[in-house]
Amino acid sequence: TVEQAHHHILFSRAHSYRHAWLRHHLEKTRGVFENWT
């Protein structure tokens, strides 16, 4: 509706954040992964 939560949360903390950065860490560096809390 505004922005997906994961992007919104990160932008709220740093306005230089860009959408592609998260995909880079998920798919390239593998520094983060998706699962469940």
Full PDB file with SEQRES, HELIX, SHEET, SSBOND, CRYST1, ORIGX, SCALE, CONECT and MASTER records, all heavy atoms in Angstrom:
SEQRES   1 A   37  THR VAL GLU GLN ALA HIS HIS HIS ILE LEU PHE SER ARG          
SEQRES   2 A   37  ALA HIS SER TYR ARG HIS ALA TRP LEU ARG HIS HIS LEU          
SEQRES   3 A   37  GLU LYS THR ARG GLY VAL PHE GLU ASN TRP THR                  
HELIX    1 AA1 ALA A    5  ARG A   13  1                                   9    
HELIX    2 AA2 HIS A   19  ARG A   23  1                                   5    
HELIX    3 AA3 HIS A   24  THR A   29  3                                   6    
CRYST1    1.000    1.000    1.000  90.00  90.00  90.00 P 1           1          
ORIGX1      1.000000  0.000000  0.000000        0.00000                         
ORIGX2      0.000000  1.000000  0.000000        0.00000                         
ORIGX3      0.000000  0.000000  1.000000        0.00000                         
SCALE1      1.000000  0.000000  0.000000        0.00000                         
SCALE2      0.000000  1.000000  0.000000        0.00000                         
SCALE3      0.000000  0.000000  1.000000        0.00000                         
ATOM      1  N   THR A   1       0.825  -1.192   0.000  1.00  0.00           N  
ATOM      2  CA  THR A   1       0.000   0.000   0.000  1.00  0.00           C  
ATOM      3  C   THR A   1       0.871   1.259   0.000  1.00  0.00           C  
ATOM      4  O   THR A   1       0.612   2.221  -0.731  1.00  0.00           O  
ATOM      5  CB  THR A   1      -0.940   0.007   1.214  1.00  0.00           C  
ATOM      6  OG1 THR A   1      -1.766  -1.168   1.166  1.00  0.00           O  
ATOM      7  CG2 THR A   1      -1.814   1.245   1.235  1.00  0.00           C  
ATOM      8  N   VAL A   2       1.893   1.247   0.827  1.00  0.00           N  
ATOM      9  CA  VAL A   2       2.937   2.276   0.764  1.00  0.00           C  
ATOM     10  C   VAL A   2       4.219   1.609   0.276  1.00  0.00           C  
ATOM     11  O   VAL A   2       4.700   1.869  -0.816  1.00  0.00           O  
ATOM     12  CB  VAL A   2       3.142   2.952   2.134  1.00  0.00           C  
ATOM     13  CG1 VAL A   2       4.295   3.965   2.059  1.00  0.00           C  
ATOM     14  CG2 VAL A   2       1.865   3.661   2.580  1.00  0.00           C  
ATOM     15  N   GLU A   3       4.775   0.723   1.100  1.00  0.00           N  
ATOM     16  CA  GLU A   3       5.957  -0.046   0.722  1.00  0.00           C  
ATOM     17  C   GLU A   3       5.973  -1.336   1.529  1.00  0.00           C  
ATOM     18  O   GLU A   3       5.454  -1.375   2.650  1.00  0.00           O  
ATOM     19  CB  GLU A   3       7.232   0.756   0.975  1.00  0.00           C  
ATOM     20  CG  GLU A   3       8.526   0.069   0.545  1.00  0.00           C  
ATOM     21  CD  GLU A   3       8.480  -0.418  -0.904  1.00  0.00           C  
ATOM     22  OE1 GLU A   3       7.942  -1.512  -1.155  1.00  0.00           O  
ATOM     23  OE2 GLU A   3       8.994   0.299  -1.767  1.00  0.00           O  
ATOM     24  N   GLN A   4       6.520  -2.396   0.961  1.00  0.00           N  
ATOM     25  CA  GLN A   4       6.612  -3.668   1.667  1.00  0.00           C  
ATOM     26  C   GLN A   4       7.404  -3.488   2.954  1.00  0.00           C  
ATOM     27  O   GLN A   4       8.361  -2.711   3.013  1.00  0.00           O  
ATOM     28  CB  GLN A   4       7.251  -4.721   0.772  1.00  0.00           C  
ATOM     29  CG  GLN A   4       6.370  -5.094  -0.412  1.00  0.00           C  
ATOM     30  CD  GLN A   4       7.085  -5.940  -1.449  1.00  0.00           C  
ATOM     31  OE1 GLN A   4       8.292  -5.812  -1.631  1.00  0.00           O  
ATOM     32  NE2 GLN A   4       6.335  -6.785  -2.140  1.00  0.00           N  
ATOM     33  N   ALA A   5       6.998  -4.210   3.991  1.00  0.00           N  
ATOM     34  CA  ALA A   5       7.503  -3.977   5.337  1.00  0.00           C  
ATOM     35  C   ALA A   5       9.021  -4.020   5.425  1.00  0.00           C  
ATOM     36  O   ALA A   5       9.645  -3.183   6.100  1.00  0.00           O  
ATOM     37  CB  ALA A   5       6.899  -5.004   6.293  1.00  0.00           C  
ATOM     38  N   HIS A   6       9.659  -4.998   4.769  1.00  0.00           N  
ATOM     39  CA  HIS A   6      11.103  -5.146   4.889  1.00  0.00           C  
ATOM     40  C   HIS A   6      11.837  -3.919   4.344  1.00  0.00           C  
ATOM     41  O   HIS A   6      12.809  -3.448   4.956  1.00  0.00           O  
ATOM     42  CB  HIS A   6      11.592  -6.429   4.206  1.00  0.00           C  
ATOM     43  CG  HIS A   6      10.888  -6.766   2.943  1.00  0.00           C  
ATOM     44  ND1 HIS A   6       9.553  -7.142   2.905  1.00  0.00           N  
ATOM     45  CD2 HIS A   6      11.315  -6.793   1.647  1.00  0.00           C  
ATOM     46  CE1 HIS A   6       9.213  -7.376   1.651  1.00  0.00           C  
ATOM     47  NE2 HIS A   6      10.249  -7.165   0.876  1.00  0.00           N  
ATOM     48  N   HIS A   7      11.375  -3.393   3.219  1.00  0.00           N  
ATOM     49  CA  HIS A   7      11.988  -2.180   2.679  1.00  0.00           C  
ATOM     50  C   HIS A   7      11.666  -0.962   3.552  1.00  0.00           C  
ATOM     51  O   HIS A   7      12.520  -0.100   3.788  1.00  0.00           O  
ATOM     52  CB  HIS A   7      11.513  -1.928   1.256  1.00  0.00           C  
ATOM     53  CG  HIS A   7      11.945  -2.976   0.276  1.00  0.00           C  
ATOM     54  ND1 HIS A   7      13.258  -3.342   0.112  1.00  0.00           N  
ATOM     55  CD2 HIS A   7      11.228  -3.740  -0.602  1.00  0.00           C  
ATOM     56  CE1 HIS A   7      13.345  -4.286  -0.817  1.00  0.00           C  
ATOM     57  NE2 HIS A   7      12.134  -4.544  -1.267  1.00  0.00           N  
ATOM     58  N   HIS A   8      10.438  -0.895   4.025  1.00  0.00           N  
ATOM     59  CA  HIS A   8      10.002   0.233   4.851  1.00  0.00           C  
ATOM     60  C   HIS A   8      10.832   0.327   6.129  1.00  0.00           C  
ATOM     61  O   HIS A   8      11.310   1.410   6.509  1.00  0.00           O  
ATOM     62  CB  HIS A   8       8.513   0.052   5.185  1.00  0.00           C  
ATOM     63  CG  HIS A   8       7.873   1.234   5.821  1.00  0.00           C  
ATOM     64  ND1 HIS A   8       6.559   1.593   5.587  1.00  0.00           N  
ATOM     65  CD2 HIS A   8       8.331   2.150   6.715  1.00  0.00           C  
ATOM     66  CE1 HIS A   8       6.267   2.665   6.293  1.00  0.00           C  
ATOM     67  NE2 HIS A   8       7.330   3.019   6.988  1.00  0.00           N  
ATOM     68  N   ILE A   9      11.006  -0.805   6.805  1.00  0.00           N  
ATOM     69  CA  ILE A   9      11.747  -0.833   8.069  1.00  0.00           C  
ATOM     70  C   ILE A   9      13.170  -0.334   7.866  1.00  0.00           C  
ATOM     71  O   ILE A   9      13.692   0.459   8.663  1.00  0.00           O  
ATOM     72  CB  ILE A   9      11.736  -2.262   8.649  1.00  0.00           C  
ATOM     73  CG1 ILE A   9      10.319  -2.628   9.121  1.00  0.00           C  
ATOM     74  CG2 ILE A   9      12.742  -2.406   9.791  1.00  0.00           C  
ATOM     75  CD1 ILE A   9      10.129  -4.113   9.403  1.00  0.00           C  
ATOM     76  N   LEU A  10      13.805  -0.774   6.807  1.00  0.00           N  
ATOM     77  CA  LEU A  10      15.196  -0.385   6.561  1.00  0.00           C  
ATOM     78  C   LEU A  10      15.308   1.070   6.132  1.00  0.00           C  
ATOM     79  O   LEU A  10      16.217   1.792   6.567  1.00  0.00           O  
ATOM     80  CB  LEU A  10      15.807  -1.324   5.521  1.00  0.00           C  
ATOM     81  CG  LEU A  10      15.917  -2.784   5.997  1.00  0.00           C  
ATOM     82  CD1 LEU A  10      16.283  -3.705   4.845  1.00  0.00           C  
ATOM     83  CD2 LEU A  10      16.914  -2.922   7.145  1.00  0.00           C  
ATOM     84  N   PHE A  11      14.375   1.549   5.320  1.00  0.00           N  
ATOM     85  CA  PHE A  11      14.395   2.951   4.913  1.00  0.00           C  
ATOM     86  C   PHE A  11      14.161   3.876   6.109  1.00  0.00           C  
ATOM     87  O   PHE A  11      14.729   4.975   6.168  1.00  0.00           O  
ATOM     88  CB  PHE A  11      13.339   3.193   3.838  1.00  0.00           C  
ATOM     89  CG  PHE A  11      13.274   4.623   3.366  1.00  0.00           C  
ATOM     90  CD1 PHE A  11      14.294   5.159   2.600  1.00  0.00           C  
ATOM     91  CD2 PHE A  11      12.185   5.433   3.686  1.00  0.00           C  
ATOM     92  CE1 PHE A  11      14.242   6.488   2.161  1.00  0.00           C  
ATOM     93  CE2 PHE A  11      12.118   6.747   3.253  1.00  0.00           C  
ATOM     94  CZ  PHE A  11      13.150   7.280   2.489  1.00  0.00           C  
ATOM     95  N   SER A  12      13.352   3.453   7.063  1.00  0.00           N  
ATOM     96  CA  SER A  12      13.093   4.273   8.248  1.00  0.00           C  
ATOM     97  C   SER A  12      14.363   4.524   9.052  1.00  0.00           C  
ATOM     98  O   SER A  12      14.449   5.511   9.791  1.00  0.00           O  
ATOM     99  CB  SER A  12      12.056   3.595   9.155  1.00  0.00           C  
ATOM    100  OG  SER A  12      10.790   3.565   8.532  1.00  0.00           O  
ATOM    101  N   ARG A  13      15.330   3.647   8.917  1.00  0.00           N  
ATOM    102  CA  ARG A  13      16.573   3.770   9.683  1.00  0.00           C  
ATOM    103  C   ARG A  13      17.699   4.425   8.898  1.00  0.00           C  
ATOM    104  O   ARG A  13      18.662   4.902   9.497  1.00  0.00           O  
ATOM    105  CB  ARG A  13      16.983   2.386  10.187  1.00  0.00           C  
ATOM    106  CG  ARG A  13      16.115   1.986  11.381  1.00  0.00           C  
ATOM    107  CD  ARG A  13      15.904   0.497  11.523  1.00  0.00           C  
ATOM    108  NE  ARG A  13      15.090   0.253  12.714  1.00  0.00           N  
ATOM    109  CZ  ARG A  13      13.742   0.346  12.721  1.00  0.00           C  
ATOM    110  NH1 ARG A  13      13.089   0.660  11.609  1.00  0.00           N  
ATOM    111  NH2 ARG A  13      13.065   0.128  13.833  1.00  0.00           N  
ATOM    112  N   ALA A  14      17.587   4.421   7.589  1.00  0.00           N  
ATOM    113  CA  ALA A  14      18.620   5.050   6.764  1.00  0.00           C  
ATOM    114  C   ALA A  14      18.013   5.423   5.425  1.00  0.00           C  
ATOM    115  O   ALA A  14      17.667   4.548   4.631  1.00  0.00           O  
ATOM    116  CB  ALA A  14      19.802   4.106   6.566  1.00  0.00           C  
ATOM    117  N   HIS A  15      17.881   6.708   5.163  1.00  0.00           N  
ATOM    118  CA  HIS A  15      17.215   7.153   3.937  1.00  0.00           C  
ATOM    119  C   HIS A  15      18.068   6.964   2.694  1.00  0.00           C  
ATOM    120  O   HIS A  15      17.583   7.184   1.571  1.00  0.00           O  
ATOM    121  CB  HIS A  15      16.785   8.615   4.086  1.00  0.00           C  
ATOM    122  CG  HIS A  15      15.650   8.791   5.037  1.00  0.00           C  
ATOM    123  ND1 HIS A  15      15.430   9.946   5.743  1.00  0.00           N  
ATOM    124  CD2 HIS A  15      14.663   7.931   5.428  1.00  0.00           C  
ATOM    125  CE1 HIS A  15      14.368   9.813   6.513  1.00  0.00           C  
ATOM    126  NE2 HIS A  15      13.893   8.593   6.344  1.00  0.00           N  
ATOM    127  N   SER A  16      19.319   6.544   2.870  1.00  0.00           N  
ATOM    128  CA  SER A  16      20.137   6.216   1.700  1.00  0.00           C  
ATOM    129  C   SER A  16      19.899   4.774   1.245  1.00  0.00           C  
ATOM    130  O   SER A  16      20.440   4.365   0.211  1.00  0.00           O  
ATOM    131  CB  SER A  16      21.620   6.421   2.008  1.00  0.00           C  
ATOM    132  OG  SER A  16      22.022   5.638   3.118  1.00  0.00           O  
ATOM    133  N   TYR A  17      19.105   4.009   1.993  1.00  0.00           N  
ATOM    134  CA  TYR A  17      18.811   2.610   1.636  1.00  0.00           C  
ATOM    135  C   TYR A  17      18.162   2.529   0.259  1.00  0.00           C  
ATOM    136  O   TYR A  17      17.326   3.366  -0.104  1.00  0.00           O  
ATOM    137  CB  TYR A  17      17.886   1.990   2.679  1.00  0.00           C  
ATOM    138  CG  TYR A  17      17.307   0.655   2.263  1.00  0.00           C  
ATOM    139  CD1 TYR A  17      18.094  -0.491   2.285  1.00  0.00           C  
ATOM    140  CD2 TYR A  17      15.986   0.549   1.823  1.00  0.00           C  
ATOM    141  CE1 TYR A  17      17.572  -1.716   1.884  1.00  0.00           C  
ATOM    142  CE2 TYR A  17      15.462  -0.667   1.431  1.00  0.00           C  
ATOM    143  CZ  TYR A  17      16.265  -1.795   1.464  1.00  0.00           C  
ATOM    144  OH  TYR A  17      15.746  -3.008   1.057  1.00  0.00           O  
ATOM    145  N   ARG A  18      18.522   1.490  -0.506  1.00  0.00           N  
ATOM    146  CA  ARG A  18      17.937   1.234  -1.810  1.00  0.00           C  
ATOM    147  C   ARG A  18      17.425  -0.200  -1.885  1.00  0.00           C  
ATOM    148  O   ARG A  18      18.033  -1.123  -1.317  1.00  0.00           O  
ATOM    149  CB  ARG A  18      18.968   1.473  -2.926  1.00  0.00           C  
ATOM    150  CG  ARG A  18      19.433   2.921  -3.013  1.00  0.00           C  
ATOM    151  CD  ARG A  18      18.284   3.834  -3.413  1.00  0.00           C  
ATOM    152  NE  ARG A  18      18.668   5.244  -3.465  1.00  0.00           N  
ATOM    153  CZ  ARG A  18      18.437   6.111  -2.476  1.00  0.00           C  
ATOM    154  NH1 ARG A  18      17.847   5.695  -1.343  1.00  0.00           N  
ATOM    155  NH2 ARG A  18      18.788   7.365  -2.584  1.00  0.00           N  
ATOM    156  N   HIS A  19      16.327  -0.392  -2.601  1.00  0.00           N  
ATOM    157  CA  HIS A  19      15.664  -1.692  -2.656  1.00  0.00           C  
ATOM    158  C   HIS A  19      16.611  -2.821  -3.054  1.00  0.00           C  
ATOM    159  O   HIS A  19      16.554  -3.919  -2.498  1.00  0.00           O  
ATOM    160  CB  HIS A  19      14.493  -1.653  -3.638  1.00  0.00           C  
ATOM    161  CG  HIS A  19      13.378  -0.736  -3.242  1.00  0.00           C  
ATOM    162  ND1 HIS A  19      13.451   0.629  -3.424  1.00  0.00           N  
ATOM    163  CD2 HIS A  19      12.168  -0.990  -2.689  1.00  0.00           C  
ATOM    164  CE1 HIS A  19      12.324   1.189  -3.007  1.00  0.00           C  
ATOM    165  NE2 HIS A  19      11.526   0.228  -2.550  1.00  0.00           N  
ATOM    166  N   ALA A  20      17.457  -2.568  -4.026  1.00  0.00           N  
ATOM    167  CA  ALA A  20      18.321  -3.628  -4.567  1.00  0.00           C  
ATOM    168  C   ALA A  20      19.340  -4.131  -3.553  1.00  0.00           C  
ATOM    169  O   ALA A  20      19.875  -5.237  -3.705  1.00  0.00           O  
ATOM    170  CB  ALA A  20      19.031  -3.131  -5.822  1.00  0.00           C  
ATOM    171  N   TRP A  21      19.612  -3.358  -2.527  1.00  0.00           N  
ATOM    172  CA  TRP A  21      20.615  -3.772  -1.549  1.00  0.00           C  
ATOM    173  C   TRP A  21      20.206  -5.056  -0.828  1.00  0.00           C  
ATOM    174  O   TRP A  21      21.041  -5.921  -0.570  1.00  0.00           O  
ATOM    175  CB  TRP A  21      20.833  -2.662  -0.525  1.00  0.00           C  
ATOM    176  CG  TRP A  21      21.471  -1.429  -1.067  1.00  0.00           C  
ATOM    177  CD1 TRP A  21      21.801  -1.166  -2.372  1.00  0.00           C  
ATOM    178  CD2 TRP A  21      21.852  -0.276  -0.317  1.00  0.00           C  
ATOM    179  NE1 TRP A  21      22.362   0.081  -2.480  1.00  0.00           N  
ATOM    180  CE2 TRP A  21      22.417   0.656  -1.239  1.00  0.00           C  
ATOM    181  CE3 TRP A  21      21.775   0.077   1.021  1.00  0.00           C  
ATOM    182  CZ2 TRP A  21      22.891   1.898  -0.836  1.00  0.00           C  
ATOM    183  CZ3 TRP A  21      22.253   1.302   1.426  1.00  0.00           C  
ATOM    184  CH2 TRP A  21      22.804   2.211   0.507  1.00  0.00           C  
ATOM    185  N   LEU A  22      18.936  -5.148  -0.476  1.00  0.00           N  
ATOM    186  CA  LEU A  22      18.493  -6.320   0.270  1.00  0.00           C  
ATOM    187  C   LEU A  22      18.614  -7.577  -0.581  1.00  0.00           C  
ATOM    188  O   LEU A  22      19.072  -8.626  -0.100  1.00  0.00           O  
ATOM    189  CB  LEU A  22      17.055  -6.122   0.748  1.00  0.00           C  
ATOM    190  CG  LEU A  22      16.506  -7.200   1.681  1.00  0.00           C  
ATOM    191  CD1 LEU A  22      17.389  -7.355   2.919  1.00  0.00           C  
ATOM    192  CD2 LEU A  22      15.076  -6.858   2.096  1.00  0.00           C  
ATOM    193  N   ARG A  23      18.215  -7.494  -1.839  1.00  0.00           N  
ATOM    194  CA  ARG A  23      18.360  -8.646  -2.734  1.00  0.00           C  
ATOM    195  C   ARG A  23      19.828  -9.045  -2.864  1.00  0.00           C  
ATOM    196  O   ARG A  23      20.147 -10.236  -2.927  1.00  0.00           O  
ATOM    197  CB  ARG A  23      17.768  -8.319  -4.095  1.00  0.00           C  
ATOM    198  CG  ARG A  23      18.048  -9.383  -5.150  1.00  0.00           C  
ATOM    199  CD  ARG A  23      17.212  -9.193  -6.390  1.00  0.00           C  
ATOM    200  NE  ARG A  23      15.838  -9.595  -6.145  1.00  0.00           N  
ATOM    201  CZ  ARG A  23      14.912  -9.678  -7.097  1.00  0.00           C  
ATOM    202  NH1 ARG A  23      15.213  -9.394  -8.350  1.00  0.00           N  
ATOM    203  NH2 ARG A  23      13.682 -10.037  -6.794  1.00  0.00           N  
ATOM    204  N   HIS A  24      20.711  -8.066  -2.891  1.00  0.00           N  
ATOM    205  CA  HIS A  24      22.143  -8.363  -2.980  1.00  0.00           C  
ATOM    206  C   HIS A  24      22.587  -9.236  -1.812  1.00  0.00           C  
ATOM    207  O   HIS A  24      23.303 -10.233  -2.003  1.00  0.00           O  
ATOM    208  CB  HIS A  24      22.931  -7.047  -2.991  1.00  0.00           C  
ATOM    209  CG  HIS A  24      24.412  -7.219  -2.909  1.00  0.00           C  
ATOM    210  ND1 HIS A  24      25.180  -7.564  -3.992  1.00  0.00           N  
ATOM    211  CD2 HIS A  24      25.267  -7.097  -1.846  1.00  0.00           C  
ATOM    212  CE1 HIS A  24      26.441  -7.655  -3.622  1.00  0.00           C  
ATOM    213  NE2 HIS A  24      26.525  -7.377  -2.336  1.00  0.00           N  
ATOM    214  N   HIS A  25      22.152  -8.888  -0.609  1.00  0.00           N  
ATOM    215  CA  HIS A  25      22.572  -9.659   0.567  1.00  0.00           C  
ATOM    216  C   HIS A  25      21.858 -11.003   0.653  1.00  0.00           C  
ATOM    217  O   HIS A  25      22.430 -11.976   1.164  1.00  0.00           O  
ATOM    218  CB  HIS A  25      22.340  -8.836   1.834  1.00  0.00           C  
ATOM    219  CG  HIS A  25      23.332  -7.729   2.007  1.00  0.00           C  
ATOM    220  ND1 HIS A  25      24.575  -7.916   2.568  1.00  0.00           N  
ATOM    221  CD2 HIS A  25      23.277  -6.417   1.658  1.00  0.00           C  
ATOM    222  CE1 HIS A  25      25.239  -6.772   2.580  1.00  0.00           C  
ATOM    223  NE2 HIS A  25      24.466  -5.844   2.033  1.00  0.00           N  
ATOM    224  N   LEU A  26      20.643 -11.077   0.157  1.00  0.00           N  
ATOM    225  CA  LEU A  26      19.912 -12.342   0.166  1.00  0.00           C  
ATOM    226  C   LEU A  26      20.427 -13.314  -0.893  1.00  0.00           C  
ATOM    227  O   LEU A  26      20.586 -14.510  -0.619  1.00  0.00           O  
ATOM    228  CB  LEU A  26      18.423 -12.091  -0.072  1.00  0.00           C  
ATOM    229  CG  LEU A  26      17.598 -11.608   1.116  1.00  0.00           C  
ATOM    230  CD1 LEU A  26      16.272 -11.036   0.640  1.00  0.00           C  
ATOM    231  CD2 LEU A  26      17.350 -12.758   2.099  1.00  0.00           C  
ATOM    232  N   GLU A  27      20.702 -12.808  -2.080  1.00  0.00           N  
ATOM    233  CA  GLU A  27      20.968 -13.687  -3.219  1.00  0.00           C  
ATOM    234  C   GLU A  27      22.431 -13.750  -3.637  1.00  0.00           C  
ATOM    235  O   GLU A  27      22.831 -14.727  -4.295  1.00  0.00           O  
ATOM    236  CB  GLU A  27      20.117 -13.245  -4.409  1.00  0.00           C  
ATOM    237  CG  GLU A  27      18.622 -13.279  -4.126  1.00  0.00           C  
ATOM    238  CD  GLU A  27      17.781 -12.834  -5.314  1.00  0.00           C  
ATOM    239  OE1 GLU A  27      18.330 -12.754  -6.439  1.00  0.00           O  
ATOM    240  OE2 GLU A  27      16.580 -12.545  -5.118  1.00  0.00           O  
ATOM    241  N   LYS A  28      23.215 -12.750  -3.271  1.00  0.00           N  
ATOM    242  CA  LYS A  28      24.615 -12.720  -3.707  1.00  0.00           C  
ATOM    243  C   LYS A  28      25.564 -13.074  -2.566  1.00  0.00           C  
ATOM    244  O   LYS A  28      26.283 -14.075  -2.636  1.00  0.00           O  
ATOM    245  CB  LYS A  28      24.962 -11.341  -4.288  1.00  0.00           C  
ATOM    246  CG  LYS A  28      24.093 -10.928  -5.466  1.00  0.00           C  
ATOM    247  CD  LYS A  28      24.234 -11.873  -6.651  1.00  0.00           C  
ATOM    248  CE  LYS A  28      23.401 -11.369  -7.830  1.00  0.00           C  
ATOM    249  NZ  LYS A  28      23.458 -12.300  -8.992  1.00  0.00           N  
ATOM    250  N   THR A  29      25.600 -12.253  -1.543  1.00  0.00           N  
ATOM    251  CA  THR A  29      26.539 -12.515  -0.452  1.00  0.00           C  
ATOM    252  C   THR A  29      26.063 -13.624   0.469  1.00  0.00           C  
ATOM    253  O   THR A  29      26.864 -14.219   1.183  1.00  0.00           O  
ATOM    254  CB  THR A  29      26.764 -11.256   0.400  1.00  0.00           C  
ATOM    255  OG1 THR A  29      25.591 -10.970   1.172  1.00  0.00           O  
ATOM    256  CG2 THR A  29      27.109 -10.057  -0.468  1.00  0.00           C  
ATOM    257  N   ARG A  30      24.757 -13.895   0.486  1.00  0.00           N  
ATOM    258  CA  ARG A  30      24.135 -14.879   1.379  1.00  0.00           C  
ATOM    259  C   ARG A  30      24.383 -14.528   2.850  1.00  0.00           C  
ATOM    260  O   ARG A  30      24.440 -15.396   3.713  1.00  0.00           O  
ATOM    261  CB  ARG A  30      24.652 -16.298   1.103  1.00  0.00           C  
ATOM    262  CG  ARG A  30      24.400 -16.795  -0.315  1.00  0.00           C  
ATOM    263  CD  ARG A  30      22.940 -16.940  -0.629  1.00  0.00           C  
ATOM    264  NE  ARG A  30      22.718 -17.690  -1.881  1.00  0.00           N  
ATOM    265  CZ  ARG A  30      21.543 -17.794  -2.498  1.00  0.00           C  
ATOM    266  NH1 ARG A  30      20.474 -17.191  -1.988  1.00  0.00           N  
ATOM    267  NH2 ARG A  30      21.424 -18.494  -3.614  1.00  0.00           N  
ATOM    268  N   GLY A  31      24.499 -13.237   3.122  1.00  0.00           N  
ATOM    269  CA  GLY A  31      24.697 -12.803   4.498  1.00  0.00           C  
ATOM    270  C   GLY A  31      23.443 -12.860   5.335  1.00  0.00           C  
ATOM    271  O   GLY A  31      23.508 -12.806   6.572  1.00  0.00           O  
ATOM    272  N   VAL A  32      22.281 -12.943   4.684  1.00  0.00           N  
ATOM    273  CA  VAL A  32      20.997 -13.091   5.374  1.00  0.00           C  
ATOM    274  C   VAL A  32      20.190 -14.168   4.667  1.00  0.00           C  
ATOM    275  O   VAL A  32      20.452 -14.496   3.503  1.00  0.00           O  
ATOM    276  CB  VAL A  32      20.206 -11.753   5.416  1.00  0.00           C  
ATOM    277  CG1 VAL A  32      20.910 -10.732   6.294  1.00  0.00           C  
ATOM    278  CG2 VAL A  32      20.010 -11.199   4.008  1.00  0.00           C  
ATOM    279  N   PHE A  33      19.224 -14.738   5.374  1.00  0.00           N  
ATOM    280  CA  PHE A  33      18.353 -15.749   4.786  1.00  0.00           C  
ATOM    281  C   PHE A  33      16.923 -15.512   5.238  1.00  0.00           C  
ATOM    282  O   PHE A  33      16.678 -14.780   6.205  1.00  0.00           O  
ATOM    283  CB  PHE A  33      18.815 -17.168   5.162  1.00  0.00           C  
ATOM    284  CG  PHE A  33      18.526 -17.573   6.590  1.00  0.00           C  
ATOM    285  CD1 PHE A  33      17.481 -18.446   6.886  1.00  0.00           C  
ATOM    286  CD2 PHE A  33      19.310 -17.118   7.647  1.00  0.00           C  
ATOM    287  CE1 PHE A  33      17.214 -18.831   8.193  1.00  0.00           C  
ATOM    288  CE2 PHE A  33      19.061 -17.502   8.956  1.00  0.00           C  
ATOM    289  CZ  PHE A  33      18.000 -18.372   9.224  1.00  0.00           C  
ATOM    290  N   GLU A  34      15.990 -16.110   4.538  1.00  0.00           N  
ATOM    291  CA  GLU A  34      14.573 -15.985   4.882  1.00  0.00           C  
ATOM    292  C   GLU A  34      14.088 -17.232   5.598  1.00  0.00           C  
ATOM    293  O   GLU A  34      14.317 -18.349   5.137  1.00  0.00           O  
ATOM    294  CB  GLU A  34      13.726 -15.803   3.623  1.00  0.00           C  
ATOM    295  CG  GLU A  34      13.810 -14.435   2.987  1.00  0.00           C  
ATOM    296  CD  GLU A  34      12.714 -14.242   1.945  1.00  0.00           C  
ATOM    297  OE1 GLU A  34      11.537 -14.494   2.262  1.00  0.00           O  
ATOM    298  OE2 GLU A  34      13.056 -13.863   0.811  1.00  0.00           O  
ATOM    299  N   ASN A  35      13.438 -17.033   6.724  1.00  0.00           N  
ATOM    300  CA  ASN A  35      12.678 -18.102   7.349  1.00  0.00           C  
ATOM    301  C   ASN A  35      11.653 -17.491   8.288  1.00  0.00           C  
ATOM    302  O   ASN A  35      11.027 -16.498   7.922  1.00  0.00           O  
ATOM    303  CB  ASN A  35      13.582 -19.141   8.022  1.00  0.00           C  
ATOM    304  CG  ASN A  35      12.875 -20.492   8.102  1.00  0.00           C  
ATOM    305  OD1 ASN A  35      12.232 -20.807   9.091  1.00  0.00           O  
ATOM    306  ND2 ASN A  35      12.977 -21.286   7.025  1.00  0.00           N  
ATOM    307  N   TRP A  36      11.498 -18.009   9.465  1.00  0.00           N  
ATOM    308  CA  TRP A  36      10.358 -17.678  10.294  1.00  0.00           C  
ATOM    309  C   TRP A  36      10.804 -17.335  11.707  1.00  0.00           C  
ATOM    310  O   TRP A  36      11.605 -18.052  12.305  1.00  0.00           O  
ATOM    311  CB  TRP A  36       9.409 -18.879  10.338  1.00  0.00           C  
ATOM    312  CG  TRP A  36       7.972 -18.544  10.574  1.00  0.00           C  
ATOM    313  CD1 TRP A  36       7.306 -18.570  11.772  1.00  0.00           C  
ATOM    314  CD2 TRP A  36       6.996 -18.149   9.603  1.00  0.00           C  
ATOM    315  NE1 TRP A  36       5.993 -18.212  11.600  1.00  0.00           N  
ATOM    316  CE2 TRP A  36       5.776 -17.948  10.271  1.00  0.00           C  
ATOM    317  CE3 TRP A  36       7.048 -17.944   8.233  1.00  0.00           C  
ATOM    318  CZ2 TRP A  36       4.609 -17.559   9.622  1.00  0.00           C  
ATOM    319  CZ3 TRP A  36       5.887 -17.548   7.579  1.00  0.00           C  
ATOM    320  CH2 TRP A  36       4.690 -17.363   8.267  1.00  0.00           C  
ATOM    321  N   THR A  37      10.298 -16.241  12.249  1.00  0.00           N  
ATOM    322  CA  THR A  37      10.379 -15.954  13.680  1.00  0.00           C  
ATOM    323  C   THR A  37       8.943 -16.070  14.177  1.00  0.00           C  
ATOM    324  O   THR A  37       8.411 -17.163  14.262  1.00  0.00           O  
ATOM    325  CB  THR A  37      10.997 -14.564  13.938  1.00  0.00           C  
ATOM    326  OG1 THR A  37      10.260 -13.571  13.192  1.00  0.00           O  
ATOM    327  CG2 THR A  37      12.457 -14.524  13.503  1.00  0.00           C  
TER     328      THR A  37                                                      
MASTER        0    0    0    3    0    0    0    6  327    1    0    3          
END                                                                             
